[in-house]
């Protein structure tokens, strides 16, 4: 059952090409619809600039939305204000890409983890026995922080240290601990391992899988790394220029890709196996001047005349597997 439903979402913002240039409209998310099921890890994959992070920010109500709906348990979060919006943000937390810039360097780890509790001190957090900061004694607060640190594989001694005293992987564990402190139901992980060494990436990925089970989480995992996605995701949505062009289970996407863009992404993954010819050409078009018809036709080796004028829609191919391509008609 979907815990999050996105319906016909559009996100645009204005930008200038230069100091004296004309104002342009960047179409970051275009009429996007997507469901995220309870308890799954859904990966959003695509090149840089395809709108993945904008989608994440819109879901977290950090970016204004032009039109559409974002339903969390059937409630349109775009209509929430004040305390109701605060409750939603408590239930949905984010882990950001760069662990070096997402933690305040002037605060100890203990203070960083206390901050969400202070901000939400007027809310009942998750359950009746887990209330606001002012209802806890100092020792109880310390115990909560210790438990969260231990859940992400860190010692309680970390509370007295500062972010610069930790490695990148440890900092990302701290960022995950901060996201967990309010006992959320849904976590958006926006490229959480892209700034880390490969060996550390595996540790963080395994940690997220473990936490999903231990804390009964639903996770939206955003990445351009298909190898990482293959290891962590239950389902994969392929995004191109603000649109979902293919979605299916991890096995369906990796074994039976149906969209040329999906095949191009998989073909770019380093491997010793023999692969098809590279079917991806050129650069991604500017989101200020989107192509007509199929947005991918300017780079697709299988482009037909109708692709230049008509827009394909997501079509069900198999159970749970959809793709937007005229090749599947």
Protein backbone atom coordinates (compact mmCIF):
# COMPACT_ATOMS: atom_id res chain seq x y z
CA UNK A 1 0.00 0.00 0.00
CA UNK A 2 1.42 3.45 -0.91
CA UNK A 3 2.58 5.56 2.00
CA UNK A 4 3.42 8.40 -0.41
CA UNK A 5 1.57 9.26 -3.62
CA UNK A 6 2.81 11.92 -6.03
CA UNK A 7 0.28 13.05 -8.61
CA UNK A 8 1.03 15.24 -11.66
CA UNK A 9 3.76 17.16 -9.85
CA UNK A 10 5.31 20.20 -11.55
CA UNK A 11 8.21 22.20 -10.15
CA UNK A 12 9.62 25.22 -11.98
CA UNK A 13 11.96 28.00 -10.93
CA UNK A 14 13.42 31.09 -12.50
CA UNK A 15 17.09 31.61 -13.28
CA UNK A 16 19.36 33.94 -15.20
CA UNK A 17 22.06 32.74 -17.56
CA UNK A 18 24.28 35.74 -16.71
CA UNK A 19 24.22 38.94 -14.68
CA UNK A 20 22.44 40.84 -17.46
CA UNK A 21 20.80 37.84 -19.11
CA UNK A 22 17.09 37.30 -19.55
CA UNK A 23 15.20 35.40 -16.90
CA UNK A 24 14.53 31.78 -17.85
CA UNK A 25 12.15 29.13 -16.54
CA UNK A 26 13.79 25.87 -15.46
CA UNK A 27 11.32 22.98 -15.69
CA UNK A 28 12.83 20.66 -13.09
CA UNK A 29 9.92 18.24 -12.52
CA UNK A 30 7.31 17.73 -15.25
CA UNK A 31 3.89 16.26 -14.54
CA UNK A 32 5.45 13.45 -12.50
CA UNK A 33 3.36 10.76 -10.81
CA UNK A 34 4.83 8.13 -8.50
CA UNK A 35 3.83 5.86 -5.60
CA UNK A 36 6.13 4.77 -2.77
CA UNK A 37 4.97 1.63 -0.95
CA UNK A 38 5.10 1.07 2.78
CA UNK A 39 8.36 -0.53 3.95
CA UNK A 40 10.19 -0.52 0.61
CA UNK A 41 13.38 1.10 -0.61
CA UNK A 42 12.53 2.92 -3.84
CA UNK A 43 15.53 4.19 -5.80
CA UNK A 44 15.30 7.23 -8.07
CA UNK A 45 18.02 6.94 -10.73
CA UNK A 46 19.23 9.25 -13.45
CA UNK A 47 22.00 11.60 -14.58
CA UNK A 48 22.87 14.80 -12.75
CA UNK A 49 20.39 17.49 -13.70
CA UNK A 50 17.43 15.18 -14.28
CA UNK A 51 15.47 16.59 -11.30
CA UNK A 52 16.10 13.94 -8.62
CA UNK A 53 17.11 16.35 -5.86
CA UNK A 54 14.37 18.82 -6.79
CA UNK A 55 11.84 16.02 -6.42
CA UNK A 56 13.25 15.19 -2.98
CA UNK A 57 13.10 18.82 -1.87
CA UNK A 58 9.51 19.14 -3.09
CA UNK A 59 8.45 16.03 -1.16
CA UNK A 60 10.07 17.46 1.99
CA UNK A 61 8.30 20.80 1.41
CA UNK A 62 11.65 22.57 1.04
CA UNK A 63 10.95 23.68 -2.55
CA UNK A 64 7.78 25.44 -3.76
CA UNK A 65 5.57 23.35 -6.05
CA UNK A 66 3.79 24.88 -9.05
CA UNK A 67 1.03 22.26 -9.33
CA UNK A 68 0.14 18.71 -8.43
CA UNK A 69 -0.35 16.76 -5.21
CA UNK A 70 1.90 15.02 -2.68
CA UNK A 71 -0.20 12.69 -0.55
CA UNK A 72 1.23 11.21 2.66
CA UNK A 73 -1.20 8.59 3.97
CA UNK A 74 -3.83 10.24 1.79
CA UNK A 75 -3.25 13.78 3.11
CA UNK A 76 -2.05 16.45 0.68
CA UNK A 77 1.04 17.82 2.43
CA UNK A 78 1.13 20.86 0.13
CA UNK A 79 -1.93 22.15 1.98
CA UNK A 80 -0.43 21.70 5.46
CA UNK A 81 0.62 24.70 7.53
CA UNK A 82 2.18 25.47 10.89
CA UNK A 83 1.92 22.61 13.39
CA UNK A 84 0.47 20.09 10.90
CA UNK A 85 3.38 20.74 8.54
CA UNK A 86 5.74 20.31 11.48
CA UNK A 87 4.22 16.91 12.25
CA UNK A 88 4.73 15.85 8.62
CA UNK A 89 8.37 16.96 8.66
CA UNK A 90 8.86 14.99 11.84
CA UNK A 91 7.54 11.87 10.10
CA UNK A 92 9.67 12.47 6.98
CA UNK A 93 13.37 13.15 7.43
CA UNK A 94 16.24 13.68 4.97
CA UNK A 95 19.84 12.51 4.77
CA UNK A 96 21.78 14.88 2.53
CA UNK A 97 24.55 14.19 0.05
CA UNK A 98 27.56 15.88 1.58
CA UNK A 99 28.40 14.85 5.17
CA UNK A 100 31.05 17.59 5.28
CA UNK A 101 28.57 20.45 4.85
CA UNK A 102 25.36 19.05 6.36
CA UNK A 103 26.64 19.10 9.97
CA UNK A 104 27.23 22.35 11.89
CA UNK A 105 30.99 22.51 12.57
CA UNK A 106 30.48 24.65 15.70
CA UNK A 107 28.21 22.15 17.45
CA UNK A 108 29.16 18.93 19.21
CA UNK A 109 27.54 15.74 17.96
CA UNK A 110 25.45 15.63 21.13
CA UNK A 111 24.09 19.12 20.48
CA UNK A 112 23.45 18.29 16.80
CA UNK A 113 21.33 15.31 17.84
CA UNK A 114 19.48 17.31 20.53
CA UNK A 115 18.52 20.03 18.03
CA UNK A 116 15.62 18.12 16.37
CA UNK A 117 14.15 17.43 19.80
CA UNK A 118 14.35 21.09 20.73
CA UNK A 119 12.68 22.17 17.49
CA UNK A 120 9.86 19.67 17.99
CA UNK A 121 9.40 20.25 21.71
CA UNK A 122 5.68 20.96 21.30
CA UNK A 123 4.89 17.68 19.50
CA UNK A 124 4.19 14.16 20.64
CA UNK A 125 6.96 12.28 18.90
CA UNK A 126 5.99 8.94 17.36
CA UNK A 127 4.42 7.37 20.47
CA UNK A 128 2.95 8.22 23.84
CA UNK A 129 6.11 7.27 25.71
CA UNK A 130 8.37 9.43 23.52
CA UNK A 131 7.36 13.04 24.05
CA UNK A 132 8.99 16.43 23.86
CA UNK A 133 12.43 17.37 25.10
CA UNK A 134 11.19 19.24 28.16
CA UNK A 135 9.51 16.06 29.47
CA UNK A 136 12.83 14.22 29.66
CA UNK A 137 15.44 14.47 32.34
CA UNK A 138 19.01 15.21 31.27
CA UNK A 139 19.95 11.56 31.73
CA UNK A 140 17.01 10.39 29.62
CA UNK A 141 18.03 12.72 26.80
CA UNK A 142 21.57 11.37 26.93
CA UNK A 143 20.24 7.81 26.85
CA UNK A 144 18.16 8.52 23.73
CA UNK A 145 21.16 10.00 21.92
CA UNK A 146 23.35 7.08 22.99
CA UNK A 147 20.82 4.58 21.65
CA UNK A 148 20.64 6.33 18.28
CA UNK A 149 24.42 6.56 18.00
CA UNK A 150 24.74 2.86 18.78
CA UNK A 151 22.07 2.09 16.16
CA UNK A 152 24.30 3.66 13.47
CA UNK A 153 27.47 1.99 14.74
CA UNK A 154 29.04 4.81 16.78
CA UNK A 155 30.18 4.94 20.40
CA UNK A 156 28.51 7.23 22.95
CA UNK A 157 31.83 9.08 23.34
CA UNK A 158 31.04 10.74 19.99
CA UNK A 159 28.59 13.06 21.77
CA UNK A 160 31.37 15.31 23.07
CA UNK A 161 33.26 15.56 19.78
CA UNK A 162 32.88 17.90 16.78
CA UNK A 163 32.22 16.95 13.13
CA UNK A 164 35.80 17.68 12.01
CA UNK A 165 37.02 14.90 14.31
CA UNK A 166 35.26 12.24 12.22
CA UNK A 167 35.81 10.70 8.80
CA UNK A 168 33.33 11.15 5.95
CA UNK A 169 31.70 7.80 6.59
CA UNK A 170 31.35 8.53 10.31
CA UNK A 171 29.84 11.93 9.56
CA UNK A 172 27.26 10.31 7.32
CA UNK A 173 26.40 7.91 10.15
CA UNK A 174 25.87 10.96 12.36
CA UNK A 175 23.62 12.52 9.70
CA UNK A 176 21.60 9.30 9.61
CA UNK A 177 21.40 9.31 13.43
CA UNK A 178 20.04 12.88 13.29
CA UNK A 179 17.39 11.74 10.84
CA UNK A 180 16.43 8.85 13.15
CA UNK A 181 16.25 10.84 16.40
CA UNK A 182 12.57 11.76 15.86
CA UNK A 183 11.67 8.19 14.95
CA UNK A 184 10.43 9.03 11.43
CA UNK A 185 8.40 6.76 9.20
CA UNK A 186 9.90 7.87 5.88
CA UNK A 187 13.48 8.84 5.02
CA UNK A 188 14.73 10.48 1.83
CA UNK A 189 18.41 9.71 1.25
CA UNK A 190 19.67 12.13 -1.40
CA UNK A 191 22.91 10.73 -2.87
CA UNK A 192 24.06 9.72 0.65
CA UNK A 193 27.17 7.79 -0.48
CA UNK A 194 28.38 9.69 -3.55
CA UNK A 195 30.93 11.71 -1.54
CA UNK A 196 32.38 8.61 0.15
CA UNK A 197 35.05 6.07 -0.75
CA UNK A 198 33.77 2.86 -2.33
CA UNK A 199 34.61 0.73 0.72
CA UNK A 200 32.75 3.16 2.99
CA UNK A 201 29.80 3.29 0.57
CA UNK A 202 29.17 -0.42 1.16
CA UNK A 203 29.09 0.12 4.93
CA UNK A 204 26.53 2.93 4.69
CA UNK A 205 24.38 0.97 2.24
CA UNK A 206 24.34 -2.06 4.54
CA UNK A 207 23.54 0.22 7.47
CA UNK A 208 20.50 1.70 5.66
CA UNK A 209 19.22 -1.79 4.81
CA UNK A 210 19.61 -2.83 8.45
CA UNK A 211 17.90 0.33 9.76
CA UNK A 212 14.99 -0.14 7.36
CA UNK A 213 14.20 -3.43 9.08
CA UNK A 214 15.03 -2.37 12.65
CA UNK A 215 13.04 0.87 12.54
CA UNK A 216 10.31 -0.20 10.06
CA UNK A 217 11.30 2.56 7.63
CA UNK A 218 10.25 3.44 4.11
CA UNK A 219 13.19 4.89 2.16
CA UNK A 220 13.46 6.88 -1.04
CA UNK A 221 17.06 6.45 -2.18
CA UNK A 222 18.33 8.92 -4.78
CA UNK A 223 21.45 8.05 -6.76
CA UNK A 224 23.10 8.06 -10.18
CA UNK A 225 25.15 4.96 -9.31
CA UNK A 226 23.38 1.91 -10.71
CA UNK A 227 25.72 -0.49 -8.90
CA UNK A 228 24.70 0.97 -5.54
CA UNK A 229 21.04 0.94 -6.53
CA UNK A 230 21.19 -2.72 -7.53
CA UNK A 231 22.37 -3.62 -4.03
CA UNK A 232 19.94 -1.56 -1.97
CA UNK A 233 16.66 -1.04 -3.86
CA UNK A 234 13.43 -3.05 -3.94
CA UNK A 235 12.12 -0.99 -6.86
CA UNK A 236 13.76 1.47 -9.25
CA UNK A 237 12.31 4.54 -11.00
CA UNK A 238 14.39 5.90 -13.90
CA UNK A 239 14.13 9.69 -14.21
CA UNK A 240 15.00 11.82 -17.24
CA UNK A 241 14.46 15.59 -17.53
CA UNK A 242 11.94 15.68 -14.72
CA UNK A 243 9.92 12.65 -15.83
CA UNK A 244 9.75 8.97 -14.91
CA UNK A 245 10.54 7.02 -18.08
CA UNK A 246 10.62 3.52 -16.56
CA UNK A 247 9.76 1.93 -13.22
CA UNK A 248 9.83 -1.64 -11.97
CA UNK A 249 11.36 -4.05 -9.50
CA UNK A 250 15.14 -4.06 -9.26
CA UNK A 251 15.27 -7.41 -11.05
CA UNK A 252 13.03 -6.16 -13.88
CA UNK A 253 15.04 -2.99 -14.39
CA UNK A 254 18.45 -4.68 -14.38
CA UNK A 255 17.57 -7.87 -16.26
CA UNK A 256 14.85 -6.65 -18.63
CA UNK A 257 15.27 -2.87 -19.18
CA UNK A 258 12.66 -1.61 -21.65
CA UNK A 259 13.60 2.04 -22.17
CA UNK A 260 16.69 3.03 -24.22
CA UNK A 261 17.74 5.47 -21.49
CA UNK A 262 17.63 2.73 -18.86
CA UNK A 263 19.76 0.49 -21.09
CA UNK A 264 22.22 3.35 -21.59
CA UNK A 265 22.56 3.87 -17.83
CA UNK A 266 23.18 0.16 -17.30
CA UNK A 267 25.62 0.05 -20.21
CA UNK A 268 27.66 2.79 -18.52
CA UNK A 269 28.21 0.70 -15.38
CA UNK A 270 31.82 -0.61 -15.26
CA UNK A 271 31.87 -4.37 -15.81
CA UNK A 272 34.01 -7.18 -17.20
CA UNK A 273 31.03 -8.52 -19.10
CA UNK A 274 30.54 -7.80 -22.80
CA UNK A 275 27.96 -5.10 -23.36
CA UNK A 276 25.86 -3.66 -26.16
CA UNK A 277 27.08 -0.70 -28.14
CA UNK A 278 26.71 2.65 -26.43
CA UNK A 279 23.25 3.87 -27.41
CA UNK A 280 23.54 7.18 -25.54
CA UNK A 281 24.79 10.18 -27.52
CA UNK A 282 25.13 13.90 -26.89
CA UNK A 283 24.48 15.85 -23.70
CA UNK A 284 21.32 16.15 -21.67
CA UNK A 285 19.17 19.04 -23.06
CA UNK A 286 18.70 22.19 -21.04
CA UNK A 287 15.67 22.11 -18.71
CA UNK A 288 14.97 25.69 -19.84
CA UNK A 289 14.37 24.49 -23.41
CA UNK A 290 12.93 20.99 -23.33
CA UNK A 291 12.62 18.96 -26.55
CA UNK A 292 9.18 18.29 -28.00
CA UNK A 293 7.70 14.81 -28.08
CA UNK A 294 9.79 12.25 -26.22
CA UNK A 295 12.33 14.20 -24.15
CA UNK A 296 14.94 11.52 -24.85
CA UNK A 297 14.65 11.53 -28.66
CA UNK A 298 17.61 13.94 -29.15
CA UNK A 299 19.99 11.31 -27.72
CA UNK A 300 18.29 8.05 -28.68
CA UNK A 301 19.70 5.75 -31.38
CA UNK A 302 16.22 4.25 -31.88
CA UNK A 303 14.48 7.60 -32.51
CA UNK A 304 11.53 7.48 -34.92
CA UNK A 305 9.68 10.41 -36.49
CA UNK A 306 6.77 10.11 -34.06
CA UNK A 307 9.23 10.38 -31.13
CA UNK A 308 10.00 13.96 -32.20
CA UNK A 309 6.39 15.11 -32.03
CA UNK A 310 4.38 12.70 -29.84
CA UNK A 311 4.94 12.18 -26.15
CA UNK A 312 4.94 8.53 -24.93
CA UNK A 313 3.27 7.75 -21.62
CA UNK A 314 4.09 5.10 -19.05
CA UNK A 315 2.62 1.81 -20.25
CA UNK A 316 2.28 -1.38 -18.22
CA UNK A 317 4.48 -4.09 -19.73
CA UNK A 318 4.52 -6.69 -16.99
CA UNK A 319 3.18 -6.77 -13.44
CA UNK A 320 4.74 -3.79 -11.69
CA UNK A 321 6.87 -2.84 -14.71
CA UNK A 322 6.11 0.28 -16.79
CA UNK A 323 8.01 2.18 -19.46
CA UNK A 324 7.34 5.26 -21.60
CA UNK A 325 8.67 4.35 -25.06
CA UNK A 326 7.08 3.80 -28.47
CA UNK A 327 9.33 0.77 -28.98
CA UNK A 328 7.07 -1.09 -26.56
CA UNK A 329 3.85 -0.45 -28.52
